[in-house]
């Protein structure tokens, strides 16, 4: 896995002794969570290096983000085909930034316009490549987790979901926070490693490792789509039988 290069031999030995592998995260009735895939985090140029992208979009993750967005789009398509609800989150803030809370002191660039280059795109708008379809739910939040100050947990229960497949950004920030809260609310959790992105490889990898050890299953997009396909096939066979 991507995190193995960051583990020392002592770390690996300790983990083998503890037996920590993380709980099985694949439920029978998942929802796909798309966390914060907005212009602010992606930037508007899929070819831009992260250092160029953040000059215009202070929170951008650059080219690697757009690679993941392609896989997120495929996951969304599979979810829609197989009857898996797709639920989105993005940020919300007043124009004067009063409700940005701790972000104002934690991120020195919080007060800057989200799009210094002036494309006219709203920073918290979800990128066109993964735009919500009519009727799909979008939660607007002020904290890292999709569950913070929203009806996400209640909505999942009303939809009779037992699990979540988590994608989006950033892996070490809002994705991890959403995964922790989903786990805390009693849902099984799977995180799509190549359907998440961050500003650095190390924090991306180590966050995936932490989630795999503590909160759920870490898997690739192809495996997540295969799971959704298998559930749909089993449901169809049961209905026909």
C-alpha atoms as a PDB file:
ATOM      1  CA  UNK A   1       0.000   0.000   0.000  1.00  0.00           C
ATOM      2  CA  UNK A   2       1.047   3.603  -0.525  1.00  0.00           C
ATOM      3  CA  UNK A   3       1.877   4.134   3.149  1.00  0.00           C
ATOM      4  CA  UNK A   4       4.382   1.286   3.504  1.00  0.00           C
ATOM      5  CA  UNK A   5       7.346   3.445   2.486  1.00  0.00           C
ATOM      6  CA  UNK A   6       6.651   5.706   5.478  1.00  0.00           C
ATOM      7  CA  UNK A   7       6.734   2.923   8.087  1.00  0.00           C
ATOM      8  CA  UNK A   8       9.921   1.974   9.857  1.00  0.00           C
ATOM      9  CA  UNK A   9      10.768  -1.670  10.464  1.00  0.00           C
ATOM     10  CA  UNK A  10       9.907  -1.115  14.135  1.00  0.00           C
ATOM     11  CA  UNK A  11       6.513   0.328  13.205  1.00  0.00           C
ATOM     12  CA  UNK A  12       5.737  -2.645  10.971  1.00  0.00           C
ATOM     13  CA  UNK A  13       6.753  -5.095  13.714  1.00  0.00           C
ATOM     14  CA  UNK A  14       4.562  -3.378  16.286  1.00  0.00           C
ATOM     15  CA  UNK A  15       1.585  -3.434  13.952  1.00  0.00           C
ATOM     16  CA  UNK A  16       1.980  -7.145  13.294  1.00  0.00           C
ATOM     17  CA  UNK A  17       2.020  -7.747  17.033  1.00  0.00           C
ATOM     18  CA  UNK A  18      -1.099  -5.673  17.738  1.00  0.00           C
ATOM     19  CA  UNK A  19      -3.082  -7.258  14.920  1.00  0.00           C
ATOM     20  CA  UNK A  20      -4.636  -3.936  13.921  1.00  0.00           C
ATOM     21  CA  UNK A  21      -5.994  -4.108  10.401  1.00  0.00           C
ATOM     22  CA  UNK A  22      -9.074  -1.901  10.658  1.00  0.00           C
ATOM     23  CA  UNK A  23     -12.693  -3.071  10.555  1.00  0.00           C
ATOM     24  CA  UNK A  24     -14.349  -4.358   7.411  1.00  0.00           C
ATOM     25  CA  UNK A  25     -15.942  -1.340   5.771  1.00  0.00           C
ATOM     26  CA  UNK A  26     -18.082  -2.821   3.018  1.00  0.00           C
ATOM     27  CA  UNK A  27     -21.726  -2.879   3.958  1.00  0.00           C
ATOM     28  CA  UNK A  28     -24.814  -4.143   2.142  1.00  0.00           C
ATOM     29  CA  UNK A  29     -26.344  -0.703   1.582  1.00  0.00           C
ATOM     30  CA  UNK A  30     -23.652   1.923   0.963  1.00  0.00           C
ATOM     31  CA  UNK A  31     -23.854   5.593   0.083  1.00  0.00           C
ATOM     32  CA  UNK A  32     -21.102   7.364  -1.836  1.00  0.00           C
ATOM     33  CA  UNK A  33     -19.804  10.475  -0.039  1.00  0.00           C
ATOM     34  CA  UNK A  34     -18.079  13.076  -2.229  1.00  0.00           C
ATOM     35  CA  UNK A  35     -16.266  15.404   0.156  1.00  0.00           C
ATOM     36  CA  UNK A  36     -15.428  18.988  -0.884  1.00  0.00           C
ATOM     37  CA  UNK A  37     -14.532  18.472  -4.552  1.00  0.00           C
ATOM     38  CA  UNK A  38     -14.848  22.203  -5.205  1.00  0.00           C
ATOM     39  CA  UNK A  39     -13.016  24.696  -7.389  1.00  0.00           C
ATOM     40  CA  UNK A  40     -11.258  25.980  -4.296  1.00  0.00           C
ATOM     41  CA  UNK A  41      -9.584  22.620  -3.664  1.00  0.00           C
ATOM     42  CA  UNK A  42      -9.154  21.545  -7.290  1.00  0.00           C
ATOM     43  CA  UNK A  43      -8.325  24.778  -9.077  1.00  0.00           C
ATOM     44  CA  UNK A  44      -9.634  25.294 -12.585  1.00  0.00           C
ATOM     45  CA  UNK A  45      -6.648  24.078 -14.637  1.00  0.00           C
ATOM     46  CA  UNK A  46      -6.245  20.268 -14.631  1.00  0.00           C
ATOM     47  CA  UNK A  47      -2.737  20.595 -16.076  1.00  0.00           C
ATOM     48  CA  UNK A  48      -1.409  23.103 -13.548  1.00  0.00           C
ATOM     49  CA  UNK A  49       1.308  22.080 -11.142  1.00  0.00           C
ATOM     50  CA  UNK A  50       0.224  22.540  -7.544  1.00  0.00           C
ATOM     51  CA  UNK A  51       2.673  25.407  -7.013  1.00  0.00           C
ATOM     52  CA  UNK A  52       1.168  27.270  -9.947  1.00  0.00           C
ATOM     53  CA  UNK A  53      -2.391  26.396  -9.009  1.00  0.00           C
ATOM     54  CA  UNK A  54      -2.130  27.661  -5.430  1.00  0.00           C
ATOM     55  CA  UNK A  55      -1.042  31.083  -6.642  1.00  0.00           C
ATOM     56  CA  UNK A  56      -4.620  31.522  -7.875  1.00  0.00           C
ATOM     57  CA  UNK A  57      -6.483  29.093  -5.616  1.00  0.00           C
ATOM     58  CA  UNK A  58      -4.889  29.119  -2.135  1.00  0.00           C
ATOM     59  CA  UNK A  59      -6.338  25.707  -1.176  1.00  0.00           C
ATOM     60  CA  UNK A  60      -5.711  23.938  -4.483  1.00  0.00           C
ATOM     61  CA  UNK A  61      -4.253  20.436  -4.648  1.00  0.00           C
ATOM     62  CA  UNK A  62      -3.141  20.776  -8.274  1.00  0.00           C
ATOM     63  CA  UNK A  63      -2.788  18.154 -10.985  1.00  0.00           C
ATOM     64  CA  UNK A  64      -2.989  15.170  -8.625  1.00  0.00           C
ATOM     65  CA  UNK A  65      -6.431  16.348  -7.578  1.00  0.00           C
ATOM     66  CA  UNK A  66      -7.704  16.258 -11.135  1.00  0.00           C
ATOM     67  CA  UNK A  67      -6.374  12.726 -11.591  1.00  0.00           C
ATOM     68  CA  UNK A  68      -8.462  11.663  -8.585  1.00  0.00           C
ATOM     69  CA  UNK A  69     -11.464  13.650  -9.837  1.00  0.00           C
ATOM     70  CA  UNK A  70     -11.503  11.478 -12.963  1.00  0.00           C
ATOM     71  CA  UNK A  71     -11.879   8.402 -10.756  1.00  0.00           C
ATOM     72  CA  UNK A  72     -14.472  10.114  -8.573  1.00  0.00           C
ATOM     73  CA  UNK A  73     -16.503  10.802 -11.709  1.00  0.00           C
ATOM     74  CA  UNK A  74     -16.366   7.098 -12.583  1.00  0.00           C
ATOM     75  CA  UNK A  75     -17.459   6.188  -9.040  1.00  0.00           C
ATOM     76  CA  UNK A  76     -20.383   8.598  -9.242  1.00  0.00           C
ATOM     77  CA  UNK A  77     -21.445   7.084 -12.565  1.00  0.00           C
ATOM     78  CA  UNK A  78     -21.299   3.583 -11.096  1.00  0.00           C
ATOM     79  CA  UNK A  79     -23.253   4.650  -8.013  1.00  0.00           C
ATOM     80  CA  UNK A  80     -26.020   6.153 -10.125  1.00  0.00           C
ATOM     81  CA  UNK A  81     -26.239   3.053 -12.325  1.00  0.00           C
ATOM     82  CA  UNK A  82     -26.437   0.713  -9.352  1.00  0.00           C
ATOM     83  CA  UNK A  83     -28.835   2.669  -7.158  1.00  0.00           C
ATOM     84  CA  UNK A  84     -26.275   3.873  -4.603  1.00  0.00           C
ATOM     85  CA  UNK A  85     -27.113   7.349  -3.221  1.00  0.00           C
ATOM     86  CA  UNK A  86     -24.499  10.032  -3.902  1.00  0.00           C
ATOM     87  CA  UNK A  87     -24.143  12.679  -1.188  1.00  0.00           C
ATOM     88  CA  UNK A  88     -21.902  15.741  -1.515  1.00  0.00           C
ATOM     89  CA  UNK A  89     -20.397  18.282   0.820  1.00  0.00           C
ATOM     90  CA  UNK A  90     -18.751  21.636   0.246  1.00  0.00           C
ATOM     91  CA  UNK A  91     -17.914  24.670   2.320  1.00  0.00           C
ATOM     92  CA  UNK A  92     -19.996  27.631   3.330  1.00  0.00           C
ATOM     93  CA  UNK A  93     -18.832  31.007   4.577  1.00  0.00           C
ATOM     94  CA  UNK A  94     -20.135  34.539   4.793  1.00  0.00           C
ATOM     95  CA  UNK A  95     -18.643  37.031   2.385  1.00  0.00           C
ATOM     96  CA  UNK A  96     -16.819  38.764   5.248  1.00  0.00           C
ATOM     97  CA  UNK A  97     -15.411  35.463   6.540  1.00  0.00           C
ATOM     98  CA  UNK A  98     -16.887  35.974  10.020  1.00  0.00           C
ATOM     99  CA  UNK A  99     -18.026  32.346  10.281  1.00  0.00           C
ATOM    100  CA  UNK A 100     -14.738  30.817   9.126  1.00  0.00           C
ATOM    101  CA  UNK A 101     -14.021  30.211  12.818  1.00  0.00           C
ATOM    102  CA  UNK A 102     -10.619  28.606  13.459  1.00  0.00           C
ATOM    103  CA  UNK A 103      -9.671  28.616   9.776  1.00  0.00           C
ATOM    104  CA  UNK A 104      -9.030  32.353  10.157  1.00  0.00           C
ATOM    105  CA  UNK A 105      -6.073  31.798  12.452  1.00  0.00           C
ATOM    106  CA  UNK A 106      -4.981  28.370  11.247  1.00  0.00           C
ATOM    107  CA  UNK A 107      -4.651  29.280   7.547  1.00  0.00           C
ATOM    108  CA  UNK A 108      -2.832  32.546   6.884  1.00  0.00           C
ATOM    109  CA  UNK A 109      -4.432  32.804   3.427  1.00  0.00           C
ATOM    110  CA  UNK A 110      -8.040  32.468   4.576  1.00  0.00           C
ATOM    111  CA  UNK A 111      -8.733  36.140   3.969  1.00  0.00           C
ATOM    112  CA  UNK A 112      -7.579  36.045   0.340  1.00  0.00           C
ATOM    113  CA  UNK A 113     -10.103  35.801  -2.505  1.00  0.00           C
ATOM    114  CA  UNK A 114     -10.542  32.096  -3.385  1.00  0.00           C
ATOM    115  CA  UNK A 115      -9.796  32.757  -7.055  1.00  0.00           C
ATOM    116  CA  UNK A 116      -7.023  35.312  -7.340  1.00  0.00           C
ATOM    117  CA  UNK A 117      -6.859  34.766 -11.100  1.00  0.00           C
ATOM    118  CA  UNK A 118     -10.403  35.985 -11.536  1.00  0.00           C
ATOM    119  CA  UNK A 119     -12.057  33.093 -13.389  1.00  0.00           C
ATOM    120  CA  UNK A 120     -15.382  34.047 -11.858  1.00  0.00           C
ATOM    121  CA  UNK A 121     -15.951  30.589 -10.404  1.00  0.00           C
ATOM    122  CA  UNK A 122     -17.379  30.352  -6.905  1.00  0.00           C
ATOM    123  CA  UNK A 123     -14.754  28.682  -4.752  1.00  0.00           C
ATOM    124  CA  UNK A 124     -17.190  26.397  -2.922  1.00  0.00           C
ATOM    125  CA  UNK A 125     -18.936  25.376  -6.129  1.00  0.00           C
ATOM    126  CA  UNK A 126     -18.543  21.681  -6.932  1.00  0.00           C
ATOM    127  CA  UNK A 127     -16.472  21.158 -10.069  1.00  0.00           C
ATOM    128  CA  UNK A 128     -18.361  20.466 -13.282  1.00  0.00           C
ATOM    129  CA  UNK A 129     -16.766  17.036 -13.756  1.00  0.00           C
ATOM    130  CA  UNK A 130     -18.580  15.666 -10.690  1.00  0.00           C
ATOM    131  CA  UNK A 131     -21.556  18.027 -10.575  1.00  0.00           C
ATOM    132  CA  UNK A 132     -24.533  16.774  -8.519  1.00  0.00           C
ATOM    133  CA  UNK A 133     -27.514  15.528 -10.489  1.00  0.00           C
ATOM    134  CA  UNK A 134     -31.019  16.755  -9.766  1.00  0.00           C
ATOM    135  CA  UNK A 135     -32.251  15.454  -6.435  1.00  0.00           C
ATOM    136  CA  UNK A 136     -28.820  14.547  -5.052  1.00  0.00           C
ATOM    137  CA  UNK A 137     -28.061  15.976  -1.628  1.00  0.00           C
ATOM    138  CA  UNK A 138     -25.392  18.618  -1.013  1.00  0.00           C
ATOM    139  CA  UNK A 139     -24.455  19.532   2.557  1.00  0.00           C
ATOM    140  CA  UNK A 140     -22.784  22.886   3.120  1.00  0.00           C
ATOM    141  CA  UNK A 141     -20.549  22.845   6.160  1.00  0.00           C
ATOM    142  CA  UNK A 142     -18.246  25.097   8.161  1.00  0.00           C
ATOM    143  CA  UNK A 143     -16.003  22.428   9.684  1.00  0.00           C
ATOM    144  CA  UNK A 144     -13.860  19.616   8.260  1.00  0.00           C
ATOM    145  CA  UNK A 145     -16.375  16.772   8.613  1.00  0.00           C
ATOM    146  CA  UNK A 146     -19.385  16.312   6.359  1.00  0.00           C
ATOM    147  CA  UNK A 147     -21.229  15.403   9.570  1.00  0.00           C
ATOM    148  CA  UNK A 148     -20.382  18.593  11.497  1.00  0.00           C
ATOM    149  CA  UNK A 149     -23.438  20.806  11.794  1.00  0.00           C
ATOM    150  CA  UNK A 150     -25.338  18.953   9.059  1.00  0.00           C
ATOM    151  CA  UNK A 151     -28.038  16.285   8.815  1.00  0.00           C
ATOM    152  CA  UNK A 152     -25.683  13.779   7.173  1.00  0.00           C
ATOM    153  CA  UNK A 153     -26.128  11.014   9.773  1.00  0.00           C
ATOM    154  CA  UNK A 154     -29.906  11.440   9.872  1.00  0.00           C
ATOM    155  CA  UNK A 155     -30.068  11.426   6.078  1.00  0.00           C
ATOM    156  CA  UNK A 156     -28.063   8.212   5.808  1.00  0.00           C
ATOM    157  CA  UNK A 157     -30.400   6.527   8.282  1.00  0.00           C
ATOM    158  CA  UNK A 158     -33.496   7.756   6.449  1.00  0.00           C
ATOM    159  CA  UNK A 159     -32.024   6.246   3.285  1.00  0.00           C
ATOM    160  CA  UNK A 160     -31.496   2.949   5.170  1.00  0.00           C
ATOM    161  CA  UNK A 161     -27.756   3.029   4.574  1.00  0.00           C
ATOM    162  CA  UNK A 162     -25.433   0.875   6.660  1.00  0.00           C
ATOM    163  CA  UNK A 163     -22.118   2.075   5.206  1.00  0.00           C
ATOM    164  CA  UNK A 164     -20.314   4.822   3.333  1.00  0.00           C
ATOM    165  CA  UNK A 165     -17.748   4.864   0.538  1.00  0.00           C
ATOM    166  CA  UNK A 166     -15.741   8.059   1.027  1.00  0.00           C
ATOM    167  CA  UNK A 167     -13.998  10.052  -1.710  1.00  0.00           C
ATOM    168  CA  UNK A 168     -12.806  13.632  -2.104  1.00  0.00           C
ATOM    169  CA  UNK A 169     -10.395  16.011  -0.442  1.00  0.00           C
ATOM    170  CA  UNK A 170      -8.294  16.548   1.450  1.00  0.00           C
ATOM    171  CA  UNK A 171      -7.396  13.023   2.492  1.00  0.00           C
ATOM    172  CA  UNK A 172      -5.786  14.098   5.762  1.00  0.00           C
ATOM    173  CA  UNK A 173      -8.379  16.777   6.483  1.00  0.00           C
ATOM    174  CA  UNK A 174     -12.039  16.701   5.518  1.00  0.00           C
ATOM    175  CA  UNK A 175     -12.004  13.109   4.203  1.00  0.00           C
ATOM    176  CA  UNK A 176     -10.447  11.761   7.379  1.00  0.00           C
ATOM    177  CA  UNK A 177     -12.745  13.852   9.584  1.00  0.00           C
ATOM    178  CA  UNK A 178     -15.794  12.591   7.677  1.00  0.00           C
ATOM    179  CA  UNK A 179     -14.599   8.995   7.923  1.00  0.00           C
ATOM    180  CA  UNK A 180     -14.063   9.292  11.681  1.00  0.00           C
ATOM    181  CA  UNK A 181     -17.510  10.779  12.204  1.00  0.00           C
ATOM    182  CA  UNK A 182     -19.190   8.191   9.968  1.00  0.00           C
ATOM    183  CA  UNK A 183     -17.510   5.472  12.033  1.00  0.00           C
ATOM    184  CA  UNK A 184     -18.558   7.205  15.267  1.00  0.00           C
ATOM    185  CA  UNK A 185     -22.177   7.301  14.050  1.00  0.00           C
ATOM    186  CA  UNK A 186     -22.115   3.537  13.531  1.00  0.00           C
ATOM    187  CA  UNK A 187     -21.648   3.292   9.754  1.00  0.00           C
ATOM    188  CA  UNK A 188     -19.147   0.969   8.130  1.00  0.00           C
ATOM    189  CA  UNK A 189     -16.497   2.990   6.329  1.00  0.00           C
ATOM    190  CA  UNK A 190     -14.545   2.417   3.122  1.00  0.00           C
ATOM    191  CA  UNK A 191     -12.168   5.083   1.785  1.00  0.00           C
ATOM    192  CA  UNK A 192     -11.164   5.109  -1.886  1.00  0.00           C
ATOM    193  CA  UNK A 193      -7.402   5.617  -1.941  1.00  0.00           C
ATOM    194  CA  UNK A 194      -7.142   6.749  -5.567  1.00  0.00           C
ATOM    195  CA  UNK A 195     -10.402   8.698  -5.312  1.00  0.00           C
ATOM    196  CA  UNK A 196      -9.018  11.034  -2.634  1.00  0.00           C
ATOM    197  CA  UNK A 197      -6.397  13.742  -2.923  1.00  0.00           C
ATOM    198  CA  UNK A 198      -4.256  16.018  -0.794  1.00  0.00           C
ATOM    199  CA  UNK A 199      -1.501  18.612  -1.140  1.00  0.00           C
ATOM    200  CA  UNK A 200       1.310  16.212  -0.290  1.00  0.00           C
ATOM    201  CA  UNK A 201       1.991  12.520  -0.796  1.00  0.00           C
ATOM    202  CA  UNK A 202       3.104  11.915   2.787  1.00  0.00           C
ATOM    203  CA  UNK A 203      -0.011  13.277   4.483  1.00  0.00           C
ATOM    204  CA  UNK A 204      -2.211  11.536   1.881  1.00  0.00           C
ATOM    205  CA  UNK A 205      -0.487   8.198   2.515  1.00  0.00           C
ATOM    206  CA  UNK A 206      -0.307   8.432   6.293  1.00  0.00           C
ATOM    207  CA  UNK A 207      -3.951   9.539   6.558  1.00  0.00           C
ATOM    208  CA  UNK A 208      -5.001   6.503   4.508  1.00  0.00           C
ATOM    209  CA  UNK A 209      -2.882   4.316   6.781  1.00  0.00           C
ATOM    210  CA  UNK A 210      -4.491   5.785   9.889  1.00  0.00           C
ATOM    211  CA  UNK A 211      -8.001   5.236   8.512  1.00  0.00           C
ATOM    212  CA  UNK A 212      -7.172   1.675   7.472  1.00  0.00           C
ATOM    213  CA  UNK A 213      -5.840   0.848  10.928  1.00  0.00           C
ATOM    214  CA  UNK A 214      -8.635   2.488  12.904  1.00  0.00           C
ATOM    215  CA  UNK A 215     -11.841   3.230  11.078  1.00  0.00           C
ATOM    216  CA  UNK A 216     -12.452   1.171   7.958  1.00  0.00           C
ATOM    217  CA  UNK A 217     -11.277  -0.340   4.726  1.00  0.00           C
ATOM    218  CA  UNK A 218      -9.018   1.456   2.253  1.00  0.00           C
ATOM    219  CA  UNK A 219      -9.568   0.313  -1.314  1.00  0.00           C
ATOM    220  CA  UNK A 220      -9.117   1.410  -4.906  1.00  0.00           C
ATOM    221  CA  UNK A 221     -11.869   2.844  -7.092  1.00  0.00           C
ATOM    222  CA  UNK A 222     -12.066  -0.298  -9.246  1.00  0.00           C
ATOM    223  CA  UNK A 223     -12.800  -2.425  -6.175  1.00  0.00           C
ATOM    224  CA  UNK A 224     -15.397   0.023  -4.871  1.00  0.00           C
ATOM    225  CA  UNK A 225     -17.190  -0.040  -8.231  1.00  0.00           C
ATOM    226  CA  UNK A 226     -17.039  -3.836  -8.293  1.00  0.00           C
ATOM    227  CA  UNK A 227     -18.659  -3.900  -4.844  1.00  0.00           C
ATOM    228  CA  UNK A 228     -21.500  -1.655  -5.989  1.00  0.00           C
ATOM    229  CA  UNK A 229     -21.978  -3.769  -9.096  1.00  0.00           C
ATOM    230  CA  UNK A 230     -22.067  -6.996  -7.084  1.00  0.00           C
ATOM    231  CA  UNK A 231     -24.650  -5.591  -4.663  1.00  0.00           C
ATOM    232  CA  UNK A 232     -26.863  -4.490  -7.545  1.00  0.00           C
ATOM    233  CA  UNK A 233     -26.568  -7.911  -9.193  1.00  0.00           C
ATOM    234  CA  UNK A 234     -27.429  -9.709  -5.960  1.00  0.00           C
ATOM    235  CA  UNK A 235     -30.432  -7.468  -5.440  1.00  0.00           C
ATOM    236  CA  UNK A 236     -31.677  -8.086  -8.971  1.00  0.00           C
ATOM    237  CA  UNK A 237     -31.233 -11.833  -8.607  1.00  0.00           C
ATOM    238  CA  UNK A 238     -33.158 -11.770  -5.355  1.00  0.00           C
ATOM    239  CA  UNK A 239     -36.017  -9.818  -6.874  1.00  0.00           C
ATOM    240  CA  UNK A 240     -36.206 -12.193  -9.831  1.00  0.00           C
ATOM    241  CA  UNK A 241     -36.076 -15.218  -7.571  1.00  0.00           C
END
